[in-house]
Each structure stands twice: as C-alpha cells, then as structure tokens.
Amino acid sequence: MELEVKIVNRGPHQLPAYSTPLSAGMDLRAWLDEPVTLQPLQRAMLHTGIYIALPQGYECQIRPRSGLALKRGLTVLNTPGTIDADYRGEVCVIIANLSNEPQTIEDGERICQMVVARHETVQWHPVEALDDTERGTGGFGHTGTK
C-alpha cells in the first residue's frame, strides 16, 4: 500500500527516499550552508528544507540512523521525534554527538530516518480499577536479565 503525501523541498537535495525496497524508514538529508562540527556531548538543530502535509490519522517519526550511531556516535535527541499531521513547518532534526571526539556533518549527508505511521486517537474511559493480568504492576526489569 502506498500513501500519497504532499511535500515541499526548499533545499537542493533529493526528497527523502527508501534505501532498499523493504525499508521502513526514508533517509533525510541535512541542508547546511557550511559543515557543522559537534563537539562531544554537543547538540544542534539541523535544517532539511523539507515540509510535509500528512493526512489525518498519520504521523512522521524521526529516528536515528543505526550506522551513524554505531560508527560515529551521532544520534537524534527526543527520539522518536514526532511530526504531527497539522504541522506545516520545516522538518528539522536535533542531532547529538555522544562520541568522545568531534564529529562533522556535511551538507547533503543522511542524518536520520523518517517513518510515516498510522496512529489512533484515544478517548479516555475513566474507571475505578483495571483488569488483573499475569504481569500486574511488574515493570522496569521485573523479568530479570537472563
């Protein structure tokens, strides 16, 4: 199934694209006037030049690229970032350098993945108690490490 989404590209780079036929995420590129060097633990908001209009019931998630995280220690903060269907501003990405050395990001470099996903809208139904389950209130490592 394909979903048609309106997109404006004010930058010079190609539209977000899937790297392989079965990829869930599309690579998104940085639009920079000059390279950006991030010192260890430094973060910066990077422009992409991309604006999208998602249909109601959809969101776009901004996620790190695994290769950047593993090889260079670069990740996306507030992951996943959420682009709501009613947002019409530029898609910008907050990148952080979690490595021990400076990392330089170049114009046109693939900096993150975009995943467009359907979501539900919740209507809360207040009750006095929840149904019991086998798990109950166990959380945050309650099943151990092995």
N, C-alpha and C. Protein backbone atom coordinates (compact mmCIF):
# COMPACT_ATOMS: atom_id res chain seq x y z
N MET A 1 0.84 -1.18 0.00
CA MET A 1 0.00 0.00 0.00
C MET A 1 0.88 1.24 0.00
N GLU A 2 0.55 2.20 -0.82
CA GLU A 2 1.28 3.46 -0.86
C GLU A 2 0.37 4.58 -0.41
N LEU A 3 0.95 5.53 0.31
CA LEU A 3 0.23 6.69 0.82
C LEU A 3 0.79 7.92 0.13
N GLU A 4 -0.07 8.72 -0.48
CA GLU A 4 0.38 9.94 -1.14
C GLU A 4 0.43 11.06 -0.12
N VAL A 5 1.60 11.72 -0.01
CA VAL A 5 1.80 12.80 0.95
C VAL A 5 2.36 14.01 0.19
N LYS A 6 1.76 15.18 0.42
CA LYS A 6 2.26 16.41 -0.18
C LYS A 6 3.57 16.79 0.50
N ILE A 7 4.55 17.23 -0.32
CA ILE A 7 5.86 17.59 0.20
C ILE A 7 6.40 18.79 -0.56
N VAL A 8 7.04 19.71 0.17
CA VAL A 8 7.74 20.85 -0.43
C VAL A 8 9.21 20.68 -0.08
N ASN A 9 10.07 20.81 -1.08
CA ASN A 9 11.51 20.69 -0.88
C ASN A 9 12.14 22.03 -1.22
N ARG A 10 12.49 22.82 -0.20
CA ARG A 10 13.12 24.12 -0.41
C ARG A 10 14.63 24.02 -0.45
N GLY A 11 15.16 22.84 -0.20
CA GLY A 11 16.60 22.63 -0.23
C GLY A 11 17.04 22.07 -1.57
N PRO A 12 18.35 21.90 -1.75
CA PRO A 12 18.89 21.42 -3.03
C PRO A 12 18.99 19.90 -3.14
N HIS A 13 18.62 19.18 -2.09
CA HIS A 13 18.85 17.74 -2.07
C HIS A 13 17.61 16.96 -2.48
N GLN A 14 17.81 15.69 -2.81
CA GLN A 14 16.71 14.83 -3.23
C GLN A 14 15.70 14.68 -2.10
N LEU A 15 14.50 14.28 -2.45
CA LEU A 15 13.46 14.02 -1.46
C LEU A 15 13.88 12.86 -0.57
N PRO A 16 13.32 12.78 0.65
CA PRO A 16 13.59 11.60 1.48
C PRO A 16 13.27 10.34 0.67
N ALA A 17 14.12 9.33 0.82
CA ALA A 17 13.97 8.14 -0.02
C ALA A 17 14.31 6.88 0.77
N TYR A 18 13.67 5.78 0.38
CA TYR A 18 13.97 4.46 0.94
C TYR A 18 15.26 3.95 0.31
N SER A 19 16.16 3.39 1.13
CA SER A 19 17.43 2.86 0.61
C SER A 19 17.28 1.49 -0.02
N THR A 20 16.28 0.72 0.45
CA THR A 20 16.03 -0.60 -0.12
C THR A 20 14.52 -0.76 -0.30
N PRO A 21 14.09 -1.69 -1.12
CA PRO A 21 12.65 -1.85 -1.38
C PRO A 21 11.80 -2.15 -0.15
N LEU A 22 12.37 -2.77 0.88
CA LEU A 22 11.58 -3.13 2.06
C LEU A 22 11.91 -2.26 3.28
N SER A 23 12.62 -1.16 3.08
CA SER A 23 12.94 -0.26 4.19
C SER A 23 11.67 0.37 4.75
N ALA A 24 11.61 0.53 6.07
CA ALA A 24 10.50 1.22 6.71
C ALA A 24 10.76 2.72 6.79
N GLY A 25 12.03 3.09 6.90
CA GLY A 25 12.40 4.50 7.05
C GLY A 25 13.03 5.05 5.79
N MET A 26 12.73 6.33 5.54
CA MET A 26 13.33 7.06 4.42
C MET A 26 14.47 7.91 4.97
N ASP A 27 15.60 7.93 4.29
CA ASP A 27 16.72 8.76 4.72
C ASP A 27 16.42 10.23 4.45
N LEU A 28 16.75 11.07 5.42
CA LEU A 28 16.55 12.51 5.33
C LEU A 28 17.92 13.16 5.40
N ARG A 29 18.13 14.18 4.57
CA ARG A 29 19.46 14.80 4.44
C ARG A 29 19.52 16.18 5.09
N ALA A 30 20.72 16.52 5.58
CA ALA A 30 20.96 17.84 6.17
C ALA A 30 21.09 18.88 5.07
N TRP A 31 20.51 20.06 5.31
CA TRP A 31 20.65 21.20 4.40
C TRP A 31 21.42 22.27 5.16
N LEU A 32 22.71 22.39 4.86
CA LEU A 32 23.61 23.26 5.62
C LEU A 32 24.32 24.25 4.71
N ASP A 33 24.51 25.47 5.20
CA ASP A 33 25.30 26.47 4.47
C ASP A 33 26.78 26.10 4.50
N GLU A 34 27.19 25.46 5.59
CA GLU A 34 28.57 25.02 5.77
C GLU A 34 28.55 23.82 6.70
N PRO A 35 29.61 23.02 6.71
CA PRO A 35 29.64 21.86 7.61
C PRO A 35 29.45 22.28 9.07
N VAL A 36 28.84 21.40 9.85
CA VAL A 36 28.63 21.64 11.28
C VAL A 36 29.46 20.62 12.05
N THR A 37 30.32 21.11 12.94
CA THR A 37 31.12 20.23 13.78
C THR A 37 30.55 20.24 15.19
N LEU A 38 30.20 19.06 15.66
CA LEU A 38 29.68 18.90 17.01
C LEU A 38 30.78 18.33 17.90
N GLN A 39 31.05 19.01 19.00
CA GLN A 39 32.00 18.52 20.00
C GLN A 39 31.31 17.40 20.79
N PRO A 40 32.07 16.59 21.53
CA PRO A 40 31.45 15.55 22.35
C PRO A 40 30.36 16.14 23.26
N LEU A 41 29.21 15.48 23.27
CA LEU A 41 28.02 15.85 24.03
C LEU A 41 27.34 17.13 23.56
N GLN A 42 27.78 17.70 22.47
CA GLN A 42 27.13 18.89 21.91
C GLN A 42 25.98 18.45 21.02
N ARG A 43 24.97 19.31 20.89
CA ARG A 43 23.82 19.04 20.04
C ARG A 43 23.55 20.28 19.18
N ALA A 44 22.84 20.04 18.08
CA ALA A 44 22.47 21.14 17.19
C ALA A 44 21.20 20.75 16.44
N MET A 45 20.41 21.76 16.12
CA MET A 45 19.23 21.54 15.29
C MET A 45 19.64 21.80 13.84
N LEU A 46 19.44 20.80 12.99
CA LEU A 46 19.84 20.88 11.59
C LEU A 46 18.62 21.02 10.70
N HIS A 47 18.75 21.85 9.67
CA HIS A 47 17.68 22.06 8.70
C HIS A 47 17.71 20.97 7.64
N THR A 48 16.54 20.71 7.05
CA THR A 48 16.43 19.74 5.96
C THR A 48 15.84 20.37 4.69
N GLY A 49 15.13 21.49 4.83
CA GLY A 49 14.45 22.10 3.69
C GLY A 49 13.16 21.40 3.31
N ILE A 50 12.75 20.42 4.10
CA ILE A 50 11.57 19.59 3.80
C ILE A 50 10.37 20.04 4.64
N TYR A 51 9.22 20.16 3.98
CA TYR A 51 7.94 20.48 4.62
C TYR A 51 6.94 19.45 4.12
N ILE A 52 6.13 18.89 5.02
CA ILE A 52 5.18 17.85 4.61
C ILE A 52 3.79 18.14 5.15
N ALA A 53 2.78 17.58 4.49
CA ALA A 53 1.39 17.67 4.93
C ALA A 53 0.83 16.25 5.00
N LEU A 54 0.87 15.69 6.18
CA LEU A 54 0.38 14.32 6.38
C LEU A 54 -1.14 14.31 6.47
N PRO A 55 -1.77 13.25 6.02
CA PRO A 55 -3.22 13.12 6.21
C PRO A 55 -3.56 12.88 7.68
N GLN A 56 -4.77 13.21 8.05
CA GLN A 56 -5.26 12.96 9.41
C GLN A 56 -5.11 11.47 9.72
N GLY A 57 -4.69 11.17 10.95
CA GLY A 57 -4.51 9.77 11.36
C GLY A 57 -3.11 9.25 11.12
N TYR A 58 -2.19 10.12 10.63
CA TYR A 58 -0.81 9.71 10.38
C TYR A 58 0.14 10.65 11.12
N GLU A 59 1.32 10.13 11.40
CA GLU A 59 2.41 10.90 11.97
C GLU A 59 3.68 10.51 11.23
N CYS A 60 4.70 11.34 11.36
CA CYS A 60 6.03 11.01 10.83
C CYS A 60 6.97 10.96 12.02
N GLN A 61 7.67 9.84 12.18
CA GLN A 61 8.63 9.68 13.26
C GLN A 61 10.03 9.92 12.72
N ILE A 62 10.80 10.72 13.46
CA ILE A 62 12.20 10.99 13.11
C ILE A 62 13.06 10.12 14.02
N ARG A 63 13.85 9.24 13.41
CA ARG A 63 14.64 8.26 14.15
C ARG A 63 16.11 8.33 13.76
N PRO A 64 17.00 7.89 14.64
CA PRO A 64 18.43 7.85 14.30
C PRO A 64 18.71 6.85 13.19
N ARG A 65 19.82 7.04 12.53
CA ARG A 65 20.33 6.04 11.58
C ARG A 65 21.33 5.17 12.35
N SER A 66 21.16 3.87 12.28
CA SER A 66 21.99 2.97 13.08
C SER A 66 23.48 3.08 12.74
N GLY A 67 23.81 3.28 11.48
CA GLY A 67 25.21 3.40 11.09
C GLY A 67 25.88 4.63 11.69
N LEU A 68 25.17 5.75 11.71
CA LEU A 68 25.73 6.96 12.33
C LEU A 68 25.93 6.76 13.83
N ALA A 69 24.98 6.09 14.46
CA ALA A 69 25.08 5.85 15.90
C ALA A 69 26.27 4.95 16.21
N LEU A 70 26.40 3.85 15.49
CA LEU A 70 27.46 2.88 15.76
C LEU A 70 28.84 3.41 15.38
N LYS A 71 28.97 3.95 14.19
CA LYS A 71 30.28 4.34 13.67
C LYS A 71 30.76 5.69 14.18
N ARG A 72 29.83 6.63 14.44
CA ARG A 72 30.26 7.98 14.77
C ARG A 72 29.68 8.52 16.07
N GLY A 73 28.79 7.78 16.71
CA GLY A 73 28.21 8.24 17.97
C GLY A 73 27.20 9.36 17.80
N LEU A 74 26.66 9.54 16.59
CA LEU A 74 25.67 10.58 16.33
C LEU A 74 24.27 10.00 16.44
N THR A 75 23.40 10.70 17.16
CA THR A 75 22.04 10.22 17.34
C THR A 75 21.06 11.38 17.28
N VAL A 76 19.79 11.05 17.21
CA VAL A 76 18.72 12.04 17.22
C VAL A 76 18.18 12.12 18.64
N LEU A 77 18.13 13.34 19.18
CA LEU A 77 17.53 13.51 20.50
C LEU A 77 16.02 13.51 20.38
N ASN A 78 15.34 13.39 21.48
CA ASN A 78 13.87 13.27 21.58
C ASN A 78 13.34 12.19 20.63
N THR A 79 14.06 11.09 20.57
CA THR A 79 13.73 10.02 19.64
C THR A 79 12.59 9.16 20.15
N PRO A 80 11.61 8.79 19.35
CA PRO A 80 11.46 9.37 18.02
C PRO A 80 10.82 10.75 18.10
N GLY A 81 11.33 11.65 17.30
CA GLY A 81 10.66 12.94 17.15
C GLY A 81 9.38 12.72 16.37
N THR A 82 8.35 13.48 16.69
CA THR A 82 7.05 13.29 16.04
C THR A 82 6.68 14.52 15.22
N ILE A 83 6.36 14.30 13.96
CA ILE A 83 5.79 15.34 13.10
C ILE A 83 4.30 15.03 13.01
N ASP A 84 3.47 15.92 13.55
CA ASP A 84 2.02 15.71 13.55
C ASP A 84 1.41 16.11 12.21
N ALA A 85 0.22 15.60 11.95
CA ALA A 85 -0.46 15.84 10.68
C ALA A 85 -0.81 17.31 10.47
N ASP A 86 -0.94 18.09 11.54
CA ASP A 86 -1.30 19.50 11.38
C ASP A 86 -0.08 20.44 11.39
N TYR A 87 1.14 19.90 11.47
CA TYR A 87 2.36 20.72 11.45
C TYR A 87 2.74 21.05 10.01
N ARG A 88 3.03 22.32 9.73
CA ARG A 88 3.38 22.72 8.38
C ARG A 88 4.76 23.40 8.29
N GLY A 89 5.51 23.38 9.39
CA GLY A 89 6.84 23.97 9.38
C GLY A 89 7.87 23.02 8.80
N GLU A 90 9.10 23.52 8.74
CA GLU A 90 10.20 22.72 8.22
C GLU A 90 10.49 21.55 9.16
N VAL A 91 10.80 20.41 8.59
CA VAL A 91 11.25 19.26 9.36
C VAL A 91 12.71 19.51 9.72
N CYS A 92 12.97 19.77 11.00
CA CYS A 92 14.33 19.96 11.50
C CYS A 92 14.67 18.79 12.41
N VAL A 93 15.95 18.56 12.59
CA VAL A 93 16.41 17.37 13.32
C VAL A 93 17.43 17.79 14.37
N ILE A 94 17.23 17.35 15.62
CA ILE A 94 18.19 17.63 16.69
C ILE A 94 19.17 16.46 16.74
N ILE A 95 20.42 16.75 16.39
CA ILE A 95 21.47 15.74 16.36
C ILE A 95 22.40 15.97 17.55
N ALA A 96 22.80 14.88 18.22
CA ALA A 96 23.74 14.96 19.34
C ALA A 96 24.94 14.07 19.06
N ASN A 97 26.09 14.54 19.50
CA ASN A 97 27.33 13.77 19.38
C ASN A 97 27.60 13.09 20.71
N LEU A 98 27.39 11.80 20.79
CA LEU A 98 27.64 11.04 22.01
C LEU A 98 29.01 10.36 22.00
N SER A 99 29.82 10.68 21.00
CA SER A 99 31.16 10.08 20.93
C SER A 99 32.14 10.90 21.78
N ASN A 100 33.39 10.45 21.81
CA ASN A 100 34.43 11.14 22.58
C ASN A 100 35.27 12.07 21.72
N GLU A 101 34.88 12.26 20.47
CA GLU A 101 35.67 13.14 19.58
C GLU A 101 34.72 13.98 18.73
N PRO A 102 35.20 15.11 18.22
CA PRO A 102 34.35 15.96 17.37
C PRO A 102 33.88 15.20 16.13
N GLN A 103 32.65 15.50 15.70
CA GLN A 103 32.06 14.88 14.51
C GLN A 103 31.54 15.99 13.60
N THR A 104 31.90 15.93 12.33
CA THR A 104 31.47 16.95 11.37
C THR A 104 30.40 16.39 10.46
N ILE A 105 29.33 17.15 10.33
CA ILE A 105 28.20 16.78 9.46
C ILE A 105 28.27 17.69 8.23
N GLU A 106 28.20 17.08 7.07
CA GLU A 106 28.32 17.80 5.80
C GLU A 106 26.94 18.07 5.19
N ASP A 107 26.86 19.10 4.38
CA ASP A 107 25.64 19.37 3.62
C ASP A 107 25.30 18.17 2.76
N GLY A 108 24.04 17.75 2.79
CA GLY A 108 23.59 16.62 1.98
C GLY A 108 23.77 15.27 2.63
N GLU A 109 24.42 15.23 3.80
CA GLU A 109 24.63 13.97 4.49
C GLU A 109 23.30 13.43 5.03
N ARG A 110 23.13 12.11 4.95
CA ARG A 110 21.93 11.47 5.50
C ARG A 110 22.06 11.47 7.03
N ILE A 111 21.12 12.15 7.71
CA ILE A 111 21.26 12.37 9.15
C ILE A 111 20.26 11.59 10.00
N CYS A 112 19.18 11.11 9.41
CA CYS A 112 18.17 10.40 10.19
C CYS A 112 17.25 9.64 9.24
N GLN A 113 16.29 8.95 9.83
CA GLN A 113 15.25 8.26 9.06
C GLN A 113 13.90 8.85 9.40
N MET A 114 13.03 8.89 8.42
CA MET A 114 11.63 9.29 8.61
C MET A 114 10.77 8.06 8.42
N VAL A 115 9.89 7.78 9.38
CA VAL A 115 8.95 6.68 9.26
C VAL A 115 7.55 7.27 9.36
N VAL A 116 6.75 7.10 8.32
CA VAL A 116 5.36 7.57 8.34
C VAL A 116 4.51 6.41 8.85
N ALA A 117 3.70 6.69 9.88
CA ALA A 117 2.92 5.63 10.51
C ALA A 117 1.51 6.11 10.83
N ARG A 118 0.58 5.18 10.72
CA ARG A 118 -0.81 5.44 11.12
C ARG A 118 -0.86 5.41 12.64
N HIS A 119 -1.74 6.21 13.22
CA HIS A 119 -1.93 6.17 14.66
C HIS A 119 -3.41 6.32 14.99
N GLU A 120 -3.76 5.94 16.19
CA GLU A 120 -5.13 6.04 16.67
C GLU A 120 -5.27 7.27 17.56
N THR A 121 -6.47 7.82 17.62
CA THR A 121 -6.79 8.87 18.56
C THR A 121 -7.55 8.23 19.72
N VAL A 122 -7.10 8.52 20.93
CA VAL A 122 -7.65 7.87 22.12
C VAL A 122 -8.73 8.73 22.75
N GLN A 123 -9.79 8.08 23.17
CA GLN A 123 -10.79 8.72 24.02
C GLN A 123 -10.76 7.96 25.34
N TRP A 124 -10.38 8.65 26.42
CA TRP A 124 -10.23 8.00 27.72
C TRP A 124 -11.58 7.58 28.28
N HIS A 125 -11.59 6.43 28.95
CA HIS A 125 -12.78 5.90 29.61
C HIS A 125 -12.42 5.70 31.09
N PRO A 126 -12.68 6.70 31.95
CA PRO A 126 -12.30 6.58 33.36
C PRO A 126 -13.03 5.43 34.05
N VAL A 127 -12.27 4.63 34.83
CA VAL A 127 -12.82 3.52 35.62
C VAL A 127 -12.18 3.58 37.00
N GLU A 128 -12.72 2.80 37.94
CA GLU A 128 -12.18 2.77 39.30
C GLU A 128 -11.00 1.81 39.44
N ALA A 129 -10.95 0.76 38.60
CA ALA A 129 -9.86 -0.22 38.67
C ALA A 129 -9.67 -0.85 37.30
N LEU A 130 -8.47 -1.39 37.07
CA LEU A 130 -8.15 -2.07 35.82
C LEU A 130 -8.24 -3.57 35.99
N ASP A 131 -8.43 -4.29 34.88
CA ASP A 131 -8.46 -5.76 34.91
C ASP A 131 -7.11 -6.29 35.40
N ASP A 132 -7.13 -7.41 36.14
CA ASP A 132 -5.90 -8.06 36.57
C ASP A 132 -5.26 -8.79 35.39
N THR A 133 -3.92 -8.84 35.39
CA THR A 133 -3.17 -9.61 34.39
C THR A 133 -2.11 -10.43 35.11
N GLU A 134 -1.50 -11.38 34.41
CA GLU A 134 -0.42 -12.17 35.00
C GLU A 134 0.75 -11.27 35.39
N ARG A 135 1.04 -10.27 34.57
CA ARG A 135 2.16 -9.36 34.83
C ARG A 135 1.85 -8.40 35.97
N GLY A 136 0.64 -7.94 36.04
CA GLY A 136 0.29 -7.00 37.09
C GLY A 136 1.04 -5.69 36.97
N THR A 137 1.66 -5.26 38.08
CA THR A 137 2.36 -3.98 38.09
C THR A 137 3.86 -4.12 37.86
N GLY A 138 4.32 -5.32 37.52
CA GLY A 138 5.76 -5.52 37.31
C GLY A 138 6.25 -4.76 36.09
N GLY A 139 7.31 -4.03 36.26
CA GLY A 139 7.90 -3.26 35.17
C GLY A 139 9.34 -2.91 35.46
N PHE A 140 9.99 -2.25 34.53
CA PHE A 140 11.36 -1.78 34.70
C PHE A 140 12.30 -2.89 35.17
N GLY A 141 12.38 -3.94 34.35
CA GLY A 141 13.33 -5.01 34.61
C GLY A 141 12.81 -6.12 35.51
N HIS A 142 11.52 -6.19 35.70
CA HIS A 142 10.97 -7.19 36.61
C HIS A 142 11.20 -8.63 36.16
N THR A 143 11.51 -8.86 34.87
CA THR A 143 11.72 -10.24 34.40
C THR A 143 13.18 -10.65 34.50
N GLY A 144 14.06 -9.78 34.99
CA GLY A 144 15.48 -10.12 35.13
C GLY A 144 16.27 -9.84 33.88
N THR A 145 17.54 -10.29 33.88
CA THR A 145 18.42 -10.03 32.75
C THR A 145 18.77 -11.28 31.95
N LYS A 146 18.40 -12.46 32.43
CA LYS A 146 18.75 -13.70 31.71
C LYS A 146 17.54 -14.51 31.40
